[in-house]
Amino acid sequence: MKKKSPLKKIVYIILVIILIVGVLVPVFGNRALKAGIESAASKALKVDVTLDDISLSILKGSVELDNLIIANPKGYQNPNLLEAGNVKIDVGLRSLMSDTVKIDNMTFDNITVTIEQKILTNNLQQILNSLPKSDKTGEKDKAKKKLLIKNLEMNNITVKIKLLPIPGKIDTIPLKLTPIKMTNLGTDNKLSVATLTVKILGAIAMGIAEQGVGIIPDEIIEPIKGALEVSTKAILKTGQEVIKGAGEVLKGAGDAGKDITEGLKGLFKKKED
């Protein structure tokens, strides 16, 4: 039996690495990321958060999420509060294996928010009221990976306000928000996936509260303002908040394939009870 030459062994090893990085890592890495994001966001908002699909490109250092959905609390006719058609994330590969994951750009596109009125409350107000009252994390969170986001943008935000049905009157008011931009998130405070989820929803709620004046009925917008002030004041206080005109700018502050995948898993590791 002939022995394999050193060159053939090297070629064989390279092919195995390509198989792992190019096929196996994306498959299992995608599943771990999807489950982790859904779990962390659902715990933060206390409603179901789901993704249709997630694409991880290790070589390019990018993650793409398809159809991110935040469900409504129970008791509402519309199933969802928020739907984001596409989310693109550019991440530094080296940082995936460190304690802080550095993200250059995170872009949300084609966002639809449906606010549904129910007697004296609405779905957005209800979720805001359930958000954490501070940005402090427990001892168990300190060991988890944290985020540092240079730029975060939310574009093409459509808001639909569902009113209580009254015969002869419109029951839906449309509102188009200007793009929301946040910079240097996580610079001053530890930023987890759960906290980021709260910040994103809080920023959209603030945009609705600011730009909906005179368009959205007071009985809907005033409770949202109150809930936003009480529930997310500490969360949105990371750095300096600047509101410009119609828009809003919030400034806040093994093998290689296996190592990177483990780094990604650590970012979305479920909190222990």
Protein backbone atom coordinates (compact mmCIF):
# COMPACT_ATOMS: atom_id res chain seq x y z
CA MET A 1 0.00 0.00 0.00
CA LYS A 2 1.42 3.32 -1.06
CA LYS A 3 1.82 6.04 1.50
CA LYS A 4 0.40 9.46 0.76
CA SER A 5 3.00 12.06 -0.12
CA PRO A 6 3.32 15.12 2.17
CA LEU A 7 1.89 17.27 -0.63
CA LYS A 8 -1.19 15.08 -0.97
CA LYS A 9 -1.69 15.15 2.81
CA ILE A 10 -1.57 18.96 2.78
CA VAL A 11 -4.06 19.11 -0.10
CA TYR A 12 -6.33 16.67 1.76
CA ILE A 13 -6.21 18.77 4.95
CA ILE A 14 -6.97 21.95 2.98
CA LEU A 15 -9.98 20.28 1.37
CA VAL A 16 -11.28 19.18 4.77
CA ILE A 17 -10.91 22.73 6.15
CA ILE A 18 -12.73 24.15 3.11
CA LEU A 19 -15.53 21.63 3.67
CA ILE A 20 -15.83 22.60 7.34
CA VAL A 21 -15.68 26.36 6.79
CA GLY A 22 -17.66 26.44 3.56
CA VAL A 23 -20.39 23.89 4.30
CA LEU A 24 -20.67 22.63 7.85
CA VAL A 25 -19.89 25.87 9.73
CA PRO A 26 -22.50 27.99 7.88
CA VAL A 27 -25.18 25.32 8.40
CA PHE A 28 -24.67 24.75 12.12
CA GLY A 29 -23.51 28.32 12.76
CA ASN A 30 -26.69 29.69 11.18
CA ARG A 31 -28.88 27.47 13.33
CA ALA A 32 -27.09 28.49 16.53
CA LEU A 33 -27.27 32.19 15.65
CA LYS A 34 -30.94 32.04 14.71
CA ALA A 35 -31.93 30.25 17.92
CA GLY A 36 -29.76 32.55 20.04
CA ILE A 37 -31.11 35.80 18.56
CA GLU A 38 -34.71 34.64 18.87
CA SER A 39 -34.21 33.55 22.48
CA ALA A 40 -32.40 36.70 23.68
CA ALA A 41 -34.82 39.11 21.98
CA SER A 42 -37.91 37.18 23.14
CA LYS A 43 -36.72 37.27 26.76
CA ALA A 44 -36.02 41.00 26.56
CA LEU A 45 -39.42 41.95 25.11
CA LYS A 46 -41.49 39.18 26.75
CA VAL A 47 -43.12 38.36 23.41
CA ASP A 48 -42.10 35.99 20.62
CA VAL A 49 -39.33 37.22 18.30
CA THR A 50 -38.66 35.09 15.21
CA LEU A 51 -36.55 35.02 12.04
CA ASP A 52 -37.38 33.36 8.73
CA ASP A 53 -33.74 32.82 7.82
CA ILE A 54 -30.18 33.87 8.66
CA SER A 55 -27.17 33.88 6.33
CA LEU A 56 -23.68 33.82 7.80
CA SER A 57 -20.65 34.56 5.61
CA ILE A 58 -17.53 33.90 7.66
CA LEU A 59 -15.09 34.91 4.92
CA LYS A 60 -16.86 38.24 4.28
CA GLY A 61 -17.57 38.92 7.95
CA SER A 62 -21.28 39.51 7.38
CA VAL A 63 -24.60 38.29 8.75
CA GLU A 64 -27.96 38.82 7.06
CA LEU A 65 -31.33 38.30 8.73
CA ASP A 66 -34.54 37.81 6.75
CA ASN A 67 -37.98 38.78 8.03
CA LEU A 68 -37.38 39.66 11.68
CA ILE A 69 -40.74 39.64 13.47
CA ILE A 70 -41.72 40.90 16.92
CA ALA A 71 -45.09 39.41 17.85
CA ASN A 72 -47.88 41.18 19.68
CA PRO A 73 -48.81 40.46 23.29
CA LYS A 74 -51.84 38.20 23.62
CA GLY A 75 -55.27 39.70 23.01
CA TYR A 76 -54.64 41.69 19.82
CA GLN A 77 -56.15 41.01 16.40
CA ASN A 78 -52.98 41.69 14.44
CA PRO A 79 -50.37 38.98 15.10
CA ASN A 80 -47.29 41.23 14.93
CA LEU A 81 -46.07 44.53 16.34
CA LEU A 82 -43.01 44.88 14.09
CA GLU A 83 -41.70 43.29 10.91
CA ALA A 84 -38.25 44.03 9.46
CA GLY A 85 -37.77 42.61 5.98
CA ASN A 86 -33.98 42.66 6.01
CA VAL A 87 -31.15 43.22 8.49
CA LYS A 88 -27.51 43.39 7.37
CA ILE A 89 -24.58 43.23 9.79
CA ASP A 90 -20.88 43.82 9.02
CA VAL A 91 -18.76 42.40 11.82
CA GLY A 92 -15.02 42.25 12.52
CA LEU A 93 -14.01 38.59 12.32
CA ARG A 94 -11.20 38.86 14.88
CA SER A 95 -13.56 40.34 17.44
CA LEU A 96 -15.80 37.26 17.27
CA MET A 97 -13.23 35.44 19.37
CA SER A 98 -12.88 38.25 21.92
CA ASP A 99 -15.12 39.42 24.76
CA THR A 100 -16.45 42.34 22.70
CA VAL A 101 -17.84 41.80 19.20
CA LYS A 102 -17.18 44.85 17.02
CA ILE A 103 -19.84 45.65 14.42
CA ASP A 104 -19.04 48.32 11.83
CA ASN A 105 -22.53 48.61 10.36
CA MET A 106 -25.97 47.24 11.23
CA THR A 107 -28.76 48.20 8.83
CA PHE A 108 -32.49 47.46 9.20
CA ASP A 109 -34.60 47.94 6.07
CA ASN A 110 -38.30 47.78 5.22
CA ILE A 111 -39.71 48.02 8.73
CA THR A 112 -43.45 47.91 9.37
CA VAL A 113 -44.81 48.76 12.82
CA THR A 114 -48.51 48.15 13.49
CA ILE A 115 -49.92 49.90 16.56
CA GLU A 116 -53.27 48.49 17.62
CA GLN A 117 -55.55 50.25 20.09
CA LYS A 118 -57.38 48.20 22.72
CA ILE A 119 -59.67 50.12 25.10
CA LEU A 120 -57.27 52.17 27.30
CA THR A 121 -53.98 50.71 26.02
CA ASN A 122 -52.19 49.60 22.84
CA ASN A 123 -49.70 46.93 21.89
CA LEU A 124 -46.61 49.18 21.76
CA GLN A 125 -47.42 50.75 25.12
CA GLN A 126 -47.91 47.30 26.63
CA ILE A 127 -44.51 46.08 25.47
CA LEU A 128 -42.80 49.32 26.56
CA ASN A 129 -44.29 48.92 30.04
CA SER A 130 -42.70 45.48 30.31
CA LEU A 131 -39.18 46.59 29.35
CA PRO A 132 -36.34 46.68 31.91
CA LYS A 133 -36.25 49.84 33.99
CA SER A 134 -32.44 50.05 33.88
CA ASP A 135 -29.47 49.08 31.71
CA LYS A 136 -27.74 47.12 34.47
CA THR A 137 -26.97 43.49 33.82
CA GLY A 138 -26.75 40.76 36.41
CA GLU A 139 -23.66 38.80 37.39
CA LYS A 140 -24.52 36.03 34.92
CA ASP A 141 -24.53 38.52 32.01
CA LYS A 142 -21.01 39.77 32.74
CA ALA A 143 -19.45 36.63 31.30
CA LYS A 144 -21.39 36.90 28.04
CA LYS A 145 -20.05 38.56 24.92
CA LYS A 146 -20.90 42.23 24.46
CA LEU A 147 -21.50 44.34 21.39
CA LEU A 148 -19.79 47.49 20.15
CA ILE A 149 -21.70 48.97 17.20
CA LYS A 150 -20.18 51.82 15.23
CA ASN A 151 -23.22 52.60 13.06
CA LEU A 152 -26.83 51.41 13.25
CA GLU A 153 -29.47 52.56 10.77
CA MET A 154 -33.18 51.87 10.38
CA ASN A 155 -34.62 52.82 6.99
CA ASN A 156 -38.03 52.73 5.29
CA ILE A 157 -40.06 52.66 8.51
CA THR A 158 -43.82 52.50 7.98
CA VAL A 159 -46.17 52.83 10.94
CA LYS A 160 -49.81 51.73 10.78
CA ILE A 161 -52.06 52.90 13.62
CA LYS A 162 -55.13 50.69 14.00
CA LEU A 163 -57.92 52.61 15.74
CA LEU A 164 -60.98 51.27 17.51
CA PRO A 165 -63.57 50.58 14.76
CA ILE A 166 -66.17 53.35 14.43
CA PRO A 167 -68.77 53.14 11.62
CA GLY A 168 -68.15 55.71 8.90
CA LYS A 169 -64.61 56.62 10.06
CA ILE A 170 -61.18 55.41 8.98
CA ASP A 171 -59.71 52.70 11.18
CA THR A 172 -56.04 52.93 10.06
CA ILE A 173 -53.71 55.94 10.07
CA PRO A 174 -50.42 55.62 8.09
CA LEU A 175 -47.22 57.31 9.23
CA LYS A 176 -43.81 57.26 7.53
CA LEU A 177 -40.85 57.79 9.86
CA THR A 178 -37.61 59.38 8.72
CA PRO A 179 -34.52 57.14 9.00
CA ILE A 180 -33.22 56.53 12.52
CA LYS A 181 -29.47 56.49 13.11
CA MET A 182 -27.52 55.46 16.19
CA THR A 183 -23.74 55.59 16.59
CA ASN A 184 -21.13 54.18 18.94
CA LEU A 185 -23.51 51.91 20.84
CA GLY A 186 -21.80 50.06 23.66
CA THR A 187 -18.95 52.57 23.99
CA ASP A 188 -19.92 53.74 27.48
CA ASN A 189 -21.95 50.79 28.73
CA LYS A 190 -22.03 47.04 28.22
CA LEU A 191 -24.37 46.22 25.34
CA SER A 192 -25.93 42.78 25.09
CA VAL A 193 -28.27 41.43 22.41
CA ALA A 194 -31.21 41.85 24.80
CA THR A 195 -30.30 45.47 25.58
CA LEU A 196 -29.81 46.22 21.88
CA THR A 197 -33.31 44.89 21.17
CA VAL A 198 -34.73 47.23 23.81
CA LYS A 199 -32.80 50.19 22.37
CA ILE A 200 -34.07 49.54 18.85
CA LEU A 201 -37.71 49.30 19.91
CA GLY A 202 -37.29 52.33 22.18
CA ALA A 203 -35.80 54.40 19.34
CA ILE A 204 -38.71 53.53 17.05
CA ALA A 205 -41.18 54.38 19.82
CA MET A 206 -39.45 57.72 20.32
CA GLY A 207 -39.66 58.41 16.59
CA ILE A 208 -43.39 57.65 16.65
CA ALA A 209 -43.90 59.88 19.70
CA GLU A 210 -42.00 62.79 18.12
CA GLN A 211 -43.25 62.56 14.54
CA GLY A 212 -46.80 61.41 15.30
CA VAL A 213 -47.85 64.62 17.06
CA GLY A 214 -50.89 66.05 15.27
CA ILE A 215 -51.31 62.85 13.24
CA ILE A 216 -51.83 60.12 15.82
CA PRO A 217 -54.71 60.60 18.29
CA ASP A 218 -53.64 61.78 21.75
CA GLU A 219 -55.22 58.76 23.43
CA ILE A 220 -52.63 56.60 21.63
CA ILE A 221 -49.55 58.79 21.52
CA GLU A 222 -49.65 60.13 25.10
CA PRO A 223 -49.57 56.67 26.76
CA ILE A 224 -46.65 55.74 24.45
CA LYS A 225 -44.75 58.85 25.57
CA GLY A 226 -45.42 58.03 29.21
CA ALA A 227 -44.42 54.39 28.86
CA LEU A 228 -41.31 55.39 26.90
CA GLU A 229 -40.22 57.85 29.56
CA VAL A 230 -40.76 55.47 32.45
CA SER A 231 -39.60 52.20 30.91
CA THR A 232 -36.73 53.12 28.60
CA LYS A 233 -35.23 56.32 30.00
CA ALA A 234 -32.24 54.47 31.44
CA ILE A 235 -31.89 52.21 28.41
CA LEU A 236 -31.80 55.09 25.92
CA LYS A 237 -29.54 57.22 28.10
CA THR A 238 -26.37 55.63 26.76
CA GLY A 239 -24.43 58.71 25.71
CA GLN A 240 -26.02 61.84 24.27
CA GLU A 241 -29.42 61.96 22.60
CA VAL A 242 -29.88 64.41 19.75
CA ILE A 243 -33.16 64.95 17.93
CA LYS A 244 -32.94 66.86 14.65
CA GLY A 245 -36.10 68.27 13.06
CA ALA A 246 -38.24 65.58 11.53
CA GLY A 247 -35.50 62.99 11.89
CA GLU A 248 -33.86 61.43 14.89
CA VAL A 249 -30.21 60.75 15.59
CA LEU A 250 -29.31 58.87 18.73
CA LYS A 251 -25.59 59.05 19.53
CA GLY A 252 -24.44 56.88 22.33
CA ALA A 253 -22.60 56.34 23.17
CA GLY A 254 -9.98 23.10 16.85
CA ASP A 255 -9.67 25.18 13.46
CA ALA A 256 -10.35 28.78 12.51
CA GLY A 257 -13.85 27.99 11.29
CA LYS A 258 -14.73 26.30 14.58
CA ASP A 259 -13.24 29.14 16.64
CA ILE A 260 -15.28 31.75 14.77
CA THR A 261 -18.48 29.73 15.07
CA GLU A 262 -17.93 29.23 18.80
CA GLY A 263 -17.36 32.97 19.08
CA LEU A 264 -20.70 33.62 17.41
CA LYS A 265 -22.46 31.07 19.61
CA GLY A 266 -21.06 32.79 22.72
CA LEU A 267 -22.63 36.05 21.66
CA PHE A 268 -26.10 34.57 21.74
CA LYS A 269 -25.61 32.01 24.53
CA LYS A 270 -28.80 31.51 26.49
CA LYS A 271 -28.85 32.89 30.03
CA GLU A 272 -28.64 30.24 32.71
CA ASP A 273 -31.48 30.04 35.19
